[in-house]
Amino acid sequence: MKSLSYRGPFITLLLAVAANNALAIPTIVATGGNIAGFNPDYQTLRGCCGVAPQQDLIASSTLSPQGKNTYGIQNIVDDNPFTAWQEGEKDEGIGQYFEFTHRFDKAAGWEGYCDQVWIANGYQKSKTLWEQNARVKKFKVSINQRPLAYVKLQDLMGEQSFSLNLAEWQKADTSSSVRIKFEITEVYSGKKWPDVGISELYFTCGP
């Protein structure tokens, strides 16, 4: 059967719109990280400045418990960098996601915007487990189902950070909370297992 190569004007228009939309989504590059793992000041920073305004967390999939180790989505907000959410698909987790409702700072009594994100990429219980399991290379971040940005993470242990600039978002949307989704679009492959993990995610607040 001869393949059809005709592309009508409507299909061409749809492809052009899709291409423009893809180009319009900016990419944010996270900074920080340390191949040696967490520095001793982790609990100090998290204890003094970090907040977890995430509510109603859900994940698209979760790895089944193994012995005493569990991998639920609550592990990313348990203030313990040595536990992790691990997605539960058989492949490397492209398209898997977690999402939550994020309260703006005013609802929590803060002066500034809690939009600086700190994330521990991979399963950071040990350097060996971090290397053996896959890590996120890039997230697609959406707010209220609208794409906001791609976030590229470093392939490093420890914490790394980036800003979602929610202050700018709230100028156009005065809601007291938003729904934020982190969808995996690219990964760093693990040496042994394809499971992708995130050990911790929290926010700090700025003026």
Protein backbone atom coordinates (compact mmCIF):
# COMPACT_ATOMS: atom_id res chain seq x y z
CA MET A 1 0.00 0.00 0.00
CA LYS A 2 1.35 3.40 -0.99
CA SER A 3 1.89 5.71 1.99
CA LEU A 4 0.01 9.01 1.97
CA SER A 5 2.17 12.12 2.18
CA TYR A 6 -0.53 14.73 1.59
CA ARG A 7 -0.88 17.20 4.42
CA GLY A 8 -3.95 19.41 4.25
CA PRO A 9 -3.98 23.06 5.40
CA PHE A 10 -5.84 22.23 8.65
CA ILE A 11 -3.30 19.56 9.65
CA THR A 12 -0.46 21.93 8.78
CA LEU A 13 -2.03 24.61 10.98
CA LEU A 14 -2.37 22.18 13.91
CA LEU A 15 1.27 21.14 13.58
CA ALA A 16 2.38 24.78 13.47
CA VAL A 17 0.37 25.62 16.59
CA ALA A 18 1.77 22.59 18.41
CA ALA A 19 5.33 23.58 17.46
CA ASN A 20 4.81 27.18 18.62
CA ASN A 21 3.32 26.02 21.93
CA ALA A 22 6.27 23.71 22.54
CA LEU A 23 8.73 26.52 21.83
CA ALA A 24 6.83 28.88 24.14
CA ILE A 25 7.47 26.76 27.25
CA PRO A 26 10.72 27.99 28.88
CA THR A 27 13.34 25.72 30.43
CA ILE A 28 14.61 26.38 33.96
CA VAL A 29 17.94 24.84 34.99
CA ALA A 30 18.25 23.88 38.66
CA THR A 31 21.44 24.79 40.50
CA GLY A 32 23.25 23.21 43.42
CA GLY A 33 23.73 19.55 44.19
CA ASN A 34 26.76 17.73 45.52
CA ILE A 35 27.97 14.34 44.36
CA ALA A 36 29.06 13.60 47.94
CA GLY A 37 25.45 13.90 49.14
CA PHE A 38 23.78 16.14 51.69
CA ASN A 39 25.87 18.58 53.64
CA PRO A 40 25.55 18.70 57.44
CA ASP A 41 23.49 21.91 57.24
CA TYR A 42 20.53 20.20 55.54
CA GLN A 43 18.40 19.90 58.68
CA THR A 44 19.33 23.46 59.71
CA LEU A 45 18.12 24.92 56.42
CA ARG A 46 15.00 22.75 56.31
CA GLY A 47 14.20 23.46 59.96
CA CYS A 48 14.59 27.24 59.85
CA CYS A 49 13.36 28.21 56.42
CA GLY A 50 11.68 25.37 54.61
CA VAL A 51 7.93 24.97 54.39
CA ALA A 52 5.79 22.24 52.89
CA PRO A 53 2.63 23.95 51.64
CA GLN A 54 1.82 20.89 49.51
CA GLN A 55 -1.61 19.40 50.17
CA ASP A 56 -3.50 16.50 48.60
CA LEU A 57 -0.43 14.87 47.12
CA ILE A 58 -1.03 12.17 44.54
CA ALA A 59 1.27 10.19 42.25
CA SER A 60 0.55 8.43 38.99
CA SER A 61 2.22 5.25 40.26
CA THR A 62 4.24 3.99 43.21
CA LEU A 63 6.76 1.19 43.56
CA SER A 64 5.51 -1.64 45.79
CA PRO A 65 7.05 -1.87 49.30
CA GLN A 66 10.18 -3.98 49.61
CA GLY A 67 10.69 -5.32 53.09
CA LYS A 68 10.50 -2.36 55.48
CA ASN A 69 11.09 0.16 52.71
CA THR A 70 8.07 2.00 51.31
CA TYR A 71 8.05 4.41 48.38
CA GLY A 72 4.86 6.48 48.69
CA ILE A 73 4.54 10.07 47.56
CA GLN A 74 4.45 11.30 51.17
CA ASN A 75 8.15 10.49 51.36
CA ILE A 76 8.97 13.68 49.44
CA VAL A 77 7.61 15.82 52.30
CA ASP A 78 8.66 13.72 55.32
CA ASP A 79 11.74 15.85 56.13
CA ASN A 80 13.93 12.80 55.59
CA PRO A 81 16.30 12.85 52.59
CA PHE A 82 16.96 9.12 52.95
CA THR A 83 13.44 8.04 51.95
CA ALA A 84 11.99 8.55 48.48
CA TRP A 85 8.99 8.40 46.21
CA GLN A 86 9.71 5.81 43.53
CA GLU A 87 7.41 5.57 40.52
CA GLY A 88 6.07 2.08 39.86
CA GLU A 89 6.16 1.56 36.09
CA LYS A 90 8.34 -1.15 34.56
CA ASP A 91 10.17 1.28 32.30
CA GLU A 92 12.06 4.45 33.25
CA GLY A 93 8.94 6.37 34.17
CA ILE A 94 8.57 8.79 31.26
CA GLY A 95 5.12 10.37 31.65
CA GLN A 96 4.80 9.49 35.33
CA TYR A 97 4.02 12.40 37.62
CA PHE A 98 3.09 13.69 41.03
CA GLU A 99 0.95 16.69 41.82
CA PHE A 100 -0.31 18.66 44.78
CA THR A 101 -2.22 21.75 45.84
CA HIS A 102 0.18 24.56 46.74
CA ARG A 103 -1.07 27.25 49.12
CA PHE A 104 0.19 30.73 48.51
CA ASP A 105 2.17 32.22 51.36
CA LYS A 106 -0.57 34.59 52.50
CA ALA A 107 -2.80 31.66 53.41
CA ALA A 108 0.02 30.31 55.56
CA GLY A 109 0.84 33.65 57.18
CA TRP A 110 4.06 34.35 55.25
CA GLU A 111 5.25 37.77 54.13
CA GLY A 112 6.79 36.66 50.82
CA TYR A 113 6.16 34.12 48.12
CA CYS A 114 7.07 30.49 48.82
CA ASP A 115 8.15 29.72 45.28
CA GLN A 116 11.81 28.67 45.62
CA VAL A 117 11.77 24.90 45.15
CA TRP A 118 14.39 22.64 46.74
CA ILE A 119 14.57 19.09 45.49
CA ALA A 120 16.65 16.00 46.23
CA ASN A 121 16.87 14.09 42.96
CA GLY A 122 16.97 10.29 43.03
CA TYR A 123 16.88 7.75 45.84
CA GLN A 124 19.43 9.27 48.22
CA LYS A 125 19.45 6.67 50.98
CA SER A 126 23.03 5.92 49.91
CA LYS A 127 25.34 6.80 47.03
CA THR A 128 25.12 3.21 45.78
CA LEU A 129 21.31 3.22 45.68
CA TRP A 130 21.32 6.66 44.08
CA GLU A 131 23.54 5.36 41.27
CA GLN A 132 21.64 2.09 40.86
CA ASN A 133 18.23 3.78 40.45
CA ALA A 134 17.21 6.24 37.74
CA ARG A 135 16.98 10.00 38.41
CA VAL A 136 14.93 12.77 36.83
CA LYS A 137 16.67 14.71 34.09
CA LYS A 138 13.74 16.92 33.15
CA PHE A 139 10.28 17.68 34.53
CA LYS A 140 7.41 19.39 32.77
CA VAL A 141 5.79 21.61 35.41
CA SER A 142 2.16 22.65 34.98
CA ILE A 143 -0.03 24.90 37.10
CA ASN A 144 -3.78 24.36 37.00
CA GLN A 145 -3.24 22.11 33.96
CA ARG A 146 -1.41 24.86 32.06
CA PRO A 147 2.28 24.22 31.18
CA LEU A 148 4.55 26.61 33.05
CA ALA A 149 8.10 25.42 32.34
CA TYR A 150 10.44 22.54 31.84
CA VAL A 151 12.86 22.09 34.73
CA LYS A 152 16.22 20.45 34.05
CA LEU A 153 17.79 18.84 37.13
CA GLN A 154 21.47 18.15 37.68
CA ASP A 155 22.58 14.51 37.98
CA LEU A 156 23.92 15.09 41.47
CA MET A 157 23.12 14.07 45.03
CA GLY A 158 22.23 16.63 47.68
CA GLU A 159 19.81 19.50 47.16
CA GLN A 160 19.31 21.64 44.10
CA SER A 161 16.92 24.52 43.65
CA PHE A 162 14.99 26.63 41.17
CA SER A 163 12.24 29.26 41.25
CA LEU A 164 8.72 28.84 39.85
CA ASN A 165 8.15 32.61 40.05
CA LEU A 166 4.67 32.22 41.54
CA ALA A 167 4.58 35.95 42.31
CA GLU A 168 4.29 36.62 38.58
CA TRP A 169 1.72 33.86 38.22
CA GLN A 170 -0.50 35.30 40.93
CA LYS A 171 -0.64 38.68 39.15
CA ALA A 172 -2.79 36.93 36.54
CA ASP A 173 -4.49 34.47 38.90
CA THR A 174 -5.49 35.71 42.35
CA SER A 175 -6.47 32.28 43.70
CA SER A 176 -5.25 31.44 47.21
CA SER A 177 -3.87 28.10 45.96
CA VAL A 178 -2.89 26.36 42.74
CA ARG A 179 -2.52 22.77 41.59
CA ILE A 180 1.08 22.00 40.56
CA LYS A 181 2.05 18.95 38.53
CA PHE A 182 5.58 17.58 37.99
CA GLU A 183 5.69 15.20 35.01
CA ILE A 184 8.83 13.23 34.14
CA THR A 185 9.91 13.83 30.53
CA GLU A 186 13.57 12.73 30.59
CA VAL A 187 15.67 10.62 32.96
CA TYR A 188 19.24 9.75 33.88
CA SER A 189 19.39 5.94 33.69
CA GLY A 190 20.26 3.91 36.76
CA LYS A 191 23.08 1.36 36.69
CA LYS A 192 20.80 -1.46 37.91
CA TRP A 193 17.10 -0.47 38.10
CA PRO A 194 14.85 1.74 35.94
CA ASP A 195 12.81 3.07 38.90
CA VAL A 196 12.90 6.87 39.13
CA GLY A 197 12.97 8.46 42.57
CA ILE A 198 12.66 11.84 44.28
CA SER A 199 13.82 11.95 47.90
CA GLU A 200 12.60 15.35 49.02
CA LEU A 201 10.82 18.46 47.79
CA TYR A 202 10.07 21.62 49.75
CA PHE A 203 9.75 25.37 49.30
CA THR A 204 11.43 28.39 50.85
CA CYS A 205 9.95 31.86 50.89
CA GLY A 206 11.24 35.14 49.55
CA PRO A 207 10.18 38.78 49.75
